C-alpha atoms as a PDB file:
ATOM      1  CA  UNK A   1    -125.379  12.105 -50.439  1.00  0.00           C
ATOM      2  CA  UNK A   2    -126.231  14.822 -47.925  1.00  0.00           C
ATOM      3  CA  UNK A   3    -123.275  13.733 -45.760  1.00  0.00           C
ATOM      4  CA  UNK A   4    -120.929  14.190 -48.697  1.00  0.00           C
ATOM      5  CA  UNK A   5    -122.190  17.736 -49.264  1.00  0.00           C
ATOM      6  CA  UNK A   6    -121.786  18.529 -45.551  1.00  0.00           C
ATOM      7  CA  UNK A   7    -118.212  17.145 -45.579  1.00  0.00           C
ATOM      8  CA  UNK A   8    -117.293  19.271 -48.625  1.00  0.00           C
ATOM      9  CA  UNK A   9    -118.768  22.420 -47.066  1.00  0.00           C
ATOM     10  CA  UNK A  10    -116.937  21.798 -43.780  1.00  0.00           C
ATOM     11  CA  UNK A  11    -113.734  21.161 -45.738  1.00  0.00           C
ATOM     12  CA  UNK A  12    -114.140  24.415 -47.635  1.00  0.00           C
ATOM     13  CA  UNK A  13    -114.650  26.286 -44.370  1.00  0.00           C
ATOM     14  CA  UNK A  14    -111.538  24.882 -42.653  1.00  0.00           C
ATOM     15  CA  UNK A  15    -109.164  24.789 -45.659  1.00  0.00           C
ATOM     16  CA  UNK A  16    -108.193  28.497 -45.495  1.00  0.00           C
ATOM     17  CA  UNK A  17    -107.509  28.180 -41.765  1.00  0.00           C
ATOM     18  CA  UNK A  18    -105.075  25.337 -42.450  1.00  0.00           C
ATOM     19  CA  UNK A  19    -103.236  27.453 -45.036  1.00  0.00           C
ATOM     20  CA  UNK A  20    -102.767  30.219 -42.461  1.00  0.00           C
ATOM     21  CA  UNK A  21    -101.281  27.864 -39.901  1.00  0.00           C
ATOM     22  CA  UNK A  22     -97.505  28.401 -39.525  1.00  0.00           C
ATOM     23  CA  UNK A  23     -95.227  25.671 -40.826  1.00  0.00           C
ATOM     24  CA  UNK A  24     -92.953  23.779 -38.402  1.00  0.00           C
ATOM     25  CA  UNK A  25     -89.992  25.877 -39.623  1.00  0.00           C
ATOM     26  CA  UNK A  26     -91.923  29.121 -38.939  1.00  0.00           C
ATOM     27  CA  UNK A  27     -92.918  27.856 -35.486  1.00  0.00           C
ATOM     28  CA  UNK A  28     -89.269  26.985 -34.693  1.00  0.00           C
ATOM     29  CA  UNK A  29     -88.093  30.423 -35.896  1.00  0.00           C
ATOM     30  CA  UNK A  30     -90.723  32.162 -33.759  1.00  0.00           C
ATOM     31  CA  UNK A  31     -89.660  30.191 -30.677  1.00  0.00           C
ATOM     32  CA  UNK A  32     -85.998  30.918 -31.392  1.00  0.00           C
ATOM     33  CA  UNK A  33     -86.595  34.645 -31.910  1.00  0.00           C
ATOM     34  CA  UNK A  34     -88.588  34.927 -28.705  1.00  0.00           C
ATOM     35  CA  UNK A  35     -85.851  33.157 -26.724  1.00  0.00           C
ATOM     36  CA  UNK A  36     -83.265  35.475 -28.286  1.00  0.00           C
ATOM     37  CA  UNK A  37     -85.286  38.561 -27.345  1.00  0.00           C
ATOM     38  CA  UNK A  38     -85.583  37.305 -23.768  1.00  0.00           C
ATOM     39  CA  UNK A  39     -81.781  36.950 -23.708  1.00  0.00           C
ATOM     40  CA  UNK A  40     -81.389  40.601 -24.753  1.00  0.00           C
ATOM     41  CA  UNK A  41     -80.610  39.921 -28.416  1.00  0.00           C
ATOM     42  CA  UNK A  42     -82.363  42.164 -30.927  1.00  0.00           C
ATOM     43  CA  UNK A  43     -83.832  40.214 -33.835  1.00  0.00           C
ATOM     44  CA  UNK A  44     -84.798  42.013 -37.019  1.00  0.00           C
ATOM     45  CA  UNK A  45     -85.522  41.119 -40.613  1.00  0.00           C
ATOM     46  CA  UNK A  46     -83.142  43.422 -42.486  1.00  0.00           C
ATOM     47  CA  UNK A  47     -82.138  43.717 -46.129  1.00  0.00           C
ATOM     48  CA  UNK A  48     -79.733  40.914 -46.963  1.00  0.00           C
ATOM     49  CA  UNK A  49     -75.975  41.536 -46.694  1.00  0.00           C
ATOM     50  CA  UNK A  50     -75.557  39.492 -49.892  1.00  0.00           C
ATOM     51  CA  UNK A  51     -75.191  41.255 -53.218  1.00  0.00           C
ATOM     52  CA  UNK A  52     -78.123  40.879 -55.602  1.00  0.00           C
ATOM     53  CA  UNK A  53     -80.339  39.379 -52.907  1.00  0.00           C
ATOM     54  CA  UNK A  54     -83.525  41.392 -52.456  1.00  0.00           C
ATOM     55  CA  UNK A  55     -84.830  39.277 -49.585  1.00  0.00           C
ATOM     56  CA  UNK A  56     -84.944  40.333 -45.971  1.00  0.00           C
ATOM     57  CA  UNK A  57     -82.921  38.043 -43.726  1.00  0.00           C
ATOM     58  CA  UNK A  58     -82.838  37.464 -39.980  1.00  0.00           C
ATOM     59  CA  UNK A  59     -80.204  39.628 -38.274  1.00  0.00           C
ATOM     60  CA  UNK A  60     -79.464  38.794 -34.631  1.00  0.00           C
ATOM     61  CA  UNK A  61     -77.910  41.851 -32.953  1.00  0.00           C
ATOM     62  CA  UNK A  62     -75.815  42.010 -29.796  1.00  0.00           C
ATOM     63  CA  UNK A  63     -75.677  45.736 -28.941  1.00  0.00           C
ATOM     64  CA  UNK A  64     -72.447  47.304 -27.741  1.00  0.00           C
ATOM     65  CA  UNK A  65     -72.687  49.482 -24.645  1.00  0.00           C
ATOM     66  CA  UNK A  66     -73.289  53.109 -25.717  1.00  0.00           C
ATOM     67  CA  UNK A  67     -69.921  54.351 -24.459  1.00  0.00           C
ATOM     68  CA  UNK A  68     -67.994  51.307 -25.708  1.00  0.00           C
ATOM     69  CA  UNK A  69     -68.517  51.127 -29.497  1.00  0.00           C
ATOM     70  CA  UNK A  70     -67.207  48.238 -31.541  1.00  0.00           C
ATOM     71  CA  UNK A  71     -65.032  48.034 -34.641  1.00  0.00           C
ATOM     72  CA  UNK A  72     -66.418  48.131 -38.186  1.00  0.00           C
ATOM     73  CA  UNK A  73     -66.069  44.913 -40.166  1.00  0.00           C
ATOM     74  CA  UNK A  74     -67.980  42.322 -42.149  1.00  0.00           C
ATOM     75  CA  UNK A  75     -67.016  38.693 -42.649  1.00  0.00           C
ATOM     76  CA  UNK A  76     -68.732  36.569 -45.269  1.00  0.00           C
ATOM     77  CA  UNK A  77     -68.862  32.783 -45.516  1.00  0.00           C
ATOM     78  CA  UNK A  78     -66.821  31.520 -48.485  1.00  0.00           C
ATOM     79  CA  UNK A  79     -69.909  29.982 -50.074  1.00  0.00           C
ATOM     80  CA  UNK A  80     -71.469  33.437 -50.559  1.00  0.00           C
ATOM     81  CA  UNK A  81     -68.309  35.539 -50.901  1.00  0.00           C
ATOM     82  CA  UNK A  82     -66.280  36.514 -53.930  1.00  0.00           C
ATOM     83  CA  UNK A  83     -62.876  34.896 -54.351  1.00  0.00           C
ATOM     84  CA  UNK A  84     -61.512  38.438 -54.647  1.00  0.00           C
ATOM     85  CA  UNK A  85     -62.156  39.050 -50.932  1.00  0.00           C
ATOM     86  CA  UNK A  86     -59.276  38.613 -48.477  1.00  0.00           C
ATOM     87  CA  UNK A  87     -59.435  35.321 -46.511  1.00  0.00           C
ATOM     88  CA  UNK A  88     -59.586  35.512 -42.708  1.00  0.00           C
ATOM     89  CA  UNK A  89     -59.803  31.882 -41.601  1.00  0.00           C
ATOM     90  CA  UNK A  90     -60.860  28.767 -43.447  1.00  0.00           C
ATOM     91  CA  UNK A  91     -64.373  29.254 -44.757  1.00  0.00           C
ATOM     92  CA  UNK A  92     -64.564  33.034 -44.103  1.00  0.00           C
ATOM     93  CA  UNK A  93     -63.504  36.167 -46.012  1.00  0.00           C
ATOM     94  CA  UNK A  94     -63.379  39.847 -45.123  1.00  0.00           C
ATOM     95  CA  UNK A  95     -65.782  42.055 -47.056  1.00  0.00           C
ATOM     96  CA  UNK A  96     -64.738  44.886 -44.755  1.00  0.00           C
ATOM     97  CA  UNK A  97     -61.726  44.412 -42.504  1.00  0.00           C
ATOM     98  CA  UNK A  98     -61.329  46.330 -39.213  1.00  0.00           C
ATOM     99  CA  UNK A  99     -58.811  49.175 -39.406  1.00  0.00           C
ATOM    100  CA  UNK A 100     -56.966  47.917 -36.335  1.00  0.00           C
ATOM    101  CA  UNK A 101     -55.878  44.309 -35.929  1.00  0.00           C
ATOM    102  CA  UNK A 102     -57.660  42.228 -33.324  1.00  0.00           C
ATOM    103  CA  UNK A 103     -55.692  41.344 -30.185  1.00  0.00           C
ATOM    104  CA  UNK A 104     -54.537  37.712 -30.118  1.00  0.00           C
ATOM    105  CA  UNK A 105     -57.016  36.604 -27.425  1.00  0.00           C
ATOM    106  CA  UNK A 106     -59.946  38.216 -29.263  1.00  0.00           C
ATOM    107  CA  UNK A 107     -58.820  36.752 -32.591  1.00  0.00           C
ATOM    108  CA  UNK A 108     -58.511  33.240 -31.127  1.00  0.00           C
ATOM    109  CA  UNK A 109     -61.990  33.442 -29.605  1.00  0.00           C
ATOM    110  CA  UNK A 110     -63.390  34.809 -32.877  1.00  0.00           C
ATOM    111  CA  UNK A 111     -61.796  32.023 -34.944  1.00  0.00           C
ATOM    112  CA  UNK A 112     -63.177  29.361 -32.599  1.00  0.00           C
ATOM    113  CA  UNK A 113     -66.640  30.942 -32.758  1.00  0.00           C
ATOM    114  CA  UNK A 114     -66.607  30.988 -36.566  1.00  0.00           C
ATOM    115  CA  UNK A 115     -65.755  27.284 -36.615  1.00  0.00           C
ATOM    116  CA  UNK A 116     -68.780  26.535 -34.378  1.00  0.00           C
ATOM    117  CA  UNK A 117     -71.341  28.634 -36.240  1.00  0.00           C
ATOM    118  CA  UNK A 118     -74.056  26.687 -38.052  1.00  0.00           C
ATOM    119  CA  UNK A 119     -73.611  26.068 -41.779  1.00  0.00           C
ATOM    120  CA  UNK A 120     -76.368  28.553 -42.620  1.00  0.00           C
ATOM    121  CA  UNK A 121     -74.520  31.466 -40.965  1.00  0.00           C
ATOM    122  CA  UNK A 122     -73.842  33.798 -43.890  1.00  0.00           C
ATOM    123  CA  UNK A 123     -72.109  36.784 -42.333  1.00  0.00           C
ATOM    124  CA  UNK A 124     -70.824  38.268 -39.108  1.00  0.00           C
ATOM    125  CA  UNK A 125     -70.861  42.045 -39.038  1.00  0.00           C
ATOM    126  CA  UNK A 126     -69.791  44.649 -36.514  1.00  0.00           C
ATOM    127  CA  UNK A 127     -70.540  48.343 -36.439  1.00  0.00           C
ATOM    128  CA  UNK A 128     -70.114  50.903 -33.705  1.00  0.00           C
ATOM    129  CA  UNK A 129     -73.604  49.966 -32.456  1.00  0.00           C
ATOM    130  CA  UNK A 130     -73.813  46.150 -32.600  1.00  0.00           C
ATOM    131  CA  UNK A 131     -72.330  42.778 -33.439  1.00  0.00           C
ATOM    132  CA  UNK A 132     -74.643  41.063 -35.948  1.00  0.00           C
ATOM    133  CA  UNK A 133     -75.076  37.433 -36.983  1.00  0.00           C
ATOM    134  CA  UNK A 134     -76.810  36.928 -40.335  1.00  0.00           C
ATOM    135  CA  UNK A 135     -78.158  33.389 -40.624  1.00  0.00           C
ATOM    136  CA  UNK A 136     -81.185  31.347 -41.672  1.00  0.00           C
ATOM    137  CA  UNK A 137     -82.150  30.170 -38.168  1.00  0.00           C
ATOM    138  CA  UNK A 138     -81.456  26.455 -38.599  1.00  0.00           C
ATOM    139  CA  UNK A 139     -80.855  25.690 -34.905  1.00  0.00           C
ATOM    140  CA  UNK A 140     -83.331  24.798 -32.201  1.00  0.00           C
ATOM    141  CA  UNK A 141     -83.486  27.107 -29.200  1.00  0.00           C
ATOM    142  CA  UNK A 142     -81.354  24.835 -26.994  1.00  0.00           C
ATOM    143  CA  UNK A 143     -78.667  24.424 -29.676  1.00  0.00           C
ATOM    144  CA  UNK A 144     -78.558  28.199 -30.209  1.00  0.00           C
ATOM    145  CA  UNK A 145     -77.812  29.011 -26.555  1.00  0.00           C
ATOM    146  CA  UNK A 146     -74.061  28.165 -26.750  1.00  0.00           C
ATOM    147  CA  UNK A 147     -73.745  30.219 -29.959  1.00  0.00           C
ATOM    148  CA  UNK A 148     -75.494  33.133 -28.251  1.00  0.00           C
ATOM    149  CA  UNK A 149     -73.157  32.850 -25.255  1.00  0.00           C
ATOM    150  CA  UNK A 150     -70.110  32.852 -27.569  1.00  0.00           C
ATOM    151  CA  UNK A 151     -71.447  35.898 -29.415  1.00  0.00           C
ATOM    152  CA  UNK A 152     -72.051  37.627 -26.049  1.00  0.00           C
ATOM    153  CA  UNK A 153     -68.433  37.016 -25.109  1.00  0.00           C
ATOM    154  CA  UNK A 154     -67.138  38.201 -28.491  1.00  0.00           C
ATOM    155  CA  UNK A 155     -69.240  41.373 -28.210  1.00  0.00           C
ATOM    156  CA  UNK A 156     -67.788  42.010 -24.752  1.00  0.00           C
ATOM    157  CA  UNK A 157     -64.237  41.513 -26.062  1.00  0.00           C
ATOM    158  CA  UNK A 158     -64.803  43.796 -29.067  1.00  0.00           C
ATOM    159  CA  UNK A 159     -66.577  46.543 -27.090  1.00  0.00           C
ATOM    160  CA  UNK A 160     -64.478  49.656 -26.686  1.00  0.00           C
ATOM    161  CA  UNK A 161     -62.364  48.949 -29.790  1.00  0.00           C
ATOM    162  CA  UNK A 162     -63.799  51.374 -32.382  1.00  0.00           C
ATOM    163  CA  UNK A 163     -61.862  51.887 -35.604  1.00  0.00           C
ATOM    164  CA  UNK A 164     -61.980  55.651 -35.133  1.00  0.00           C
ATOM    165  CA  UNK A 165     -61.899  56.351 -31.376  1.00  0.00           C
ATOM    166  CA  UNK A 166     -61.923  60.134 -31.831  1.00  0.00           C
ATOM    167  CA  UNK A 167     -65.479  59.957 -33.210  1.00  0.00           C
ATOM    168  CA  UNK A 168     -66.708  58.227 -30.064  1.00  0.00           C
ATOM    169  CA  UNK A 169     -64.978  60.231 -27.352  1.00  0.00           C
ATOM    170  CA  UNK A 170     -67.172  61.100 -24.381  1.00  0.00           C
ATOM    171  CA  UNK A 171     -67.890  64.866 -24.743  1.00  0.00           C
ATOM    172  CA  UNK A 172     -67.680  65.252 -20.946  1.00  0.00           C
ATOM    173  CA  UNK A 173     -64.184  63.740 -20.802  1.00  0.00           C
ATOM    174  CA  UNK A 174     -61.317  66.236 -20.453  1.00  0.00           C
ATOM    175  CA  UNK A 175     -59.231  66.726 -23.580  1.00  0.00           C
ATOM    176  CA  UNK A 176     -55.547  65.934 -23.381  1.00  0.00           C
END
């Protein structure tokens, strides 16, 4: 009987510690986020880009160089987008379209990237500061590396293509 009491007491002591232990999904996300940070990708939990979603979602950010801002746009996956939004390619719709069309080479690379994104990728956004992938982190670190490389290349191709170049002119540059 004494052994049973000891076992219950020990169980009560260790039970809270087991509840605090991260789940396998949380461990995978932590590993993925750390690998992304080491690759120069900023990872933040930001307010969701989805309407009527109060959760914070992972936002992986590829920063544009300071003097080479990117265009402003947001693409949403069809599954989370309104049918009223303008289609871009199969499975994706513009919530906010860039003011200037994308050059053919950039568009082709972008379309291929969208086709390779994991199913839990919800949105791809660009602002003057960064290219952002909103997703639920379903990939392992090794499977994410090609996606990260494709996003790096897309960021490089979009850099220096702001929608309003006059707002981002270098103040030291001579005026024409």
